[in-house]
Protein backbone atom coordinates (compact mmCIF):
# COMPACT_ATOMS: atom_id res chain seq x y z
CA MET A 1 102.07 85.56 71.07
CA SER A 2 98.53 85.22 69.78
CA THR A 3 96.57 88.01 68.16
CA ALA A 4 94.20 87.85 71.15
CA THR A 5 96.91 89.21 73.46
CA ILE A 6 98.68 92.55 73.47
CA ASP A 7 102.18 93.56 74.55
CA LEU A 8 102.40 96.16 77.30
CA THR A 9 105.24 98.59 77.80
CA ALA A 10 105.95 101.27 80.39
CA GLU A 11 104.27 103.71 78.00
CA THR A 12 101.05 101.69 77.53
CA PHE A 13 100.63 99.90 80.88
CA SER A 14 98.66 102.51 82.87
CA SER A 15 96.41 103.61 80.02
CA THR A 16 95.53 99.98 79.23
CA ILE A 17 94.62 99.24 82.87
CA GLU A 18 92.66 102.48 83.24
CA SER A 19 90.69 102.24 79.98
CA ASN A 20 89.50 98.61 80.21
CA ASP A 21 87.14 96.88 82.64
CA ILE A 22 89.13 93.66 83.13
CA VAL A 23 92.81 93.26 82.22
CA LEU A 24 94.86 90.11 82.80
CA VAL A 25 98.62 90.70 82.71
CA ASP A 26 101.12 87.88 82.22
CA TRP A 27 104.63 88.90 83.33
CA TRP A 28 107.09 86.61 81.52
CA ALA A 29 110.52 86.18 79.94
CA SER A 30 111.63 84.09 76.96
CA TRP A 31 114.19 82.12 79.02
CA CYS A 32 111.59 81.08 81.63
CA GLY A 33 110.40 77.48 81.23
CA PRO A 34 107.21 77.87 83.31
CA CYS A 35 106.43 81.04 81.33
CA ARG A 36 106.65 79.09 78.07
CA MET A 37 104.37 76.40 79.56
CA PHE A 38 101.80 79.01 80.66
CA ALA A 39 101.80 81.00 77.39
CA PRO A 40 99.50 78.67 75.39
CA ILE A 41 97.08 78.45 78.34
CA PHE A 42 96.96 82.26 78.54
CA ASP A 43 96.55 82.55 74.76
CA GLU A 44 93.71 80.01 74.74
CA ALA A 45 91.90 81.88 77.52
CA ALA A 46 92.32 85.11 75.54
CA THR A 47 90.64 83.48 72.55
CA LYS A 48 87.78 82.19 74.76
CA HIS A 49 87.21 85.58 76.43
CA PRO A 50 87.38 88.28 73.74
CA ASP A 51 85.52 90.65 76.08
CA LEU A 52 88.60 90.86 78.33
CA VAL A 53 92.05 92.31 77.71
CA PHE A 54 94.88 89.78 77.88
CA ALA A 55 98.25 91.50 78.02
CA LYS A 56 101.85 90.34 78.30
CA VAL A 57 104.86 92.12 79.73
CA ASP A 58 108.29 90.87 78.72
CA THR A 59 110.22 91.42 81.96
CA GLU A 60 113.55 91.44 80.10
CA ALA A 61 112.49 94.20 77.71
CA GLN A 62 110.51 96.09 80.38
CA GLN A 63 112.79 95.80 83.42
CA GLU A 64 111.82 99.17 84.90
CA LEU A 65 108.11 98.36 84.60
CA ALA A 66 108.66 94.93 86.18
CA GLY A 67 110.56 96.60 89.01
CA ALA A 68 107.83 99.18 89.54
CA ALA A 69 105.27 96.34 89.68
CA ASN A 70 107.44 94.54 92.25
CA ILE A 71 107.75 91.41 90.10
CA ARG A 72 110.06 88.99 91.94
CA SER A 73 109.18 85.72 90.23
CA ILE A 74 107.85 84.81 86.81
CA PRO A 75 105.46 83.98 85.46
CA THR A 76 103.32 86.29 87.55
CA LEU A 77 99.67 86.82 86.69
CA MET A 78 97.95 90.04 87.70
CA VAL A 79 94.28 90.79 87.16
CA PHE A 80 92.90 94.31 87.25
CA ARG A 81 89.20 95.13 87.33
CA GLU A 82 88.01 98.71 87.10
CA ASN A 83 91.59 99.90 87.66
CA VAL A 84 91.94 97.85 90.90
CA LEU A 85 94.46 95.04 91.28
CA VAL A 86 92.21 92.17 92.39
CA PHE A 87 94.63 89.26 91.90
CA SER A 88 98.38 88.79 91.81
CA GLN A 89 100.17 85.47 92.01
CA ALA A 90 103.44 84.04 90.80
CA GLY A 91 103.44 80.66 89.09
CA ALA A 92 101.80 79.12 86.06
CA LEU A 93 98.12 78.29 86.42
CA PRO A 94 96.53 75.26 84.78
CA ALA A 95 93.76 76.08 82.29
CA HIS A 96 90.90 75.12 84.63
CA ALA A 97 92.30 77.37 87.40
CA LEU A 98 92.63 80.31 85.00
CA ASP A 99 89.03 79.78 83.80
CA ASP A 100 87.85 79.66 87.42
CA LEU A 101 89.79 82.83 88.26
CA ILE A 102 88.23 84.66 85.31
CA SER A 103 84.75 83.60 86.48
CA GLN A 104 85.50 84.84 90.00
CA VAL A 105 86.80 88.19 88.75
CA LYS A 106 83.72 88.67 86.55
CA ALA A 107 81.49 87.89 89.56
CA LEU A 108 83.14 90.39 91.92
CA ASP A 109 80.89 92.99 93.51
CA MET A 110 82.98 95.96 92.47
CA ALA A 111 81.00 98.40 94.64
CA LYS A 112 82.24 96.45 97.67
CA VAL A 113 85.78 96.26 96.26
CA HIS A 114 85.90 100.02 95.63
CA ALA A 115 84.49 100.66 99.13
CA ALA A 116 87.18 98.45 100.68
CA VAL A 117 89.91 100.21 98.68
CA ALA A 118 88.59 103.62 99.75
CA GLU A 119 88.48 102.48 103.37
CA ARG A 120 92.09 101.22 103.23
CA GLN A 121 93.25 104.46 101.62
CA GLY A 122 91.55 106.41 104.40
CA ASP A 123 93.61 104.66 107.09
């Protein structure tokens, strides 16, 4: 793990999501080949984007947290912005796709996102 990423646990997950604008979470396990392939891509993106939080959750060590997050396949990448899950997808992304995703998340109109979340919660 690079110094640009942090490890999340059940104890630190919520506070990290709530106290940072954009958080990317890589759900992984040491035995997972695609996870090992994605790790350097994730670490490189973390180095390129020091304004964002890049976090990793070891699904073996944090099984209850992985279960609570409904992780069924790894690697899974989740992106939170302003405490809203705006992206969740299983599978390793190539570097260019991760860079594109980060650009899209930064460009989101969060007023519209929050309005849509509020509308859904009202139903």
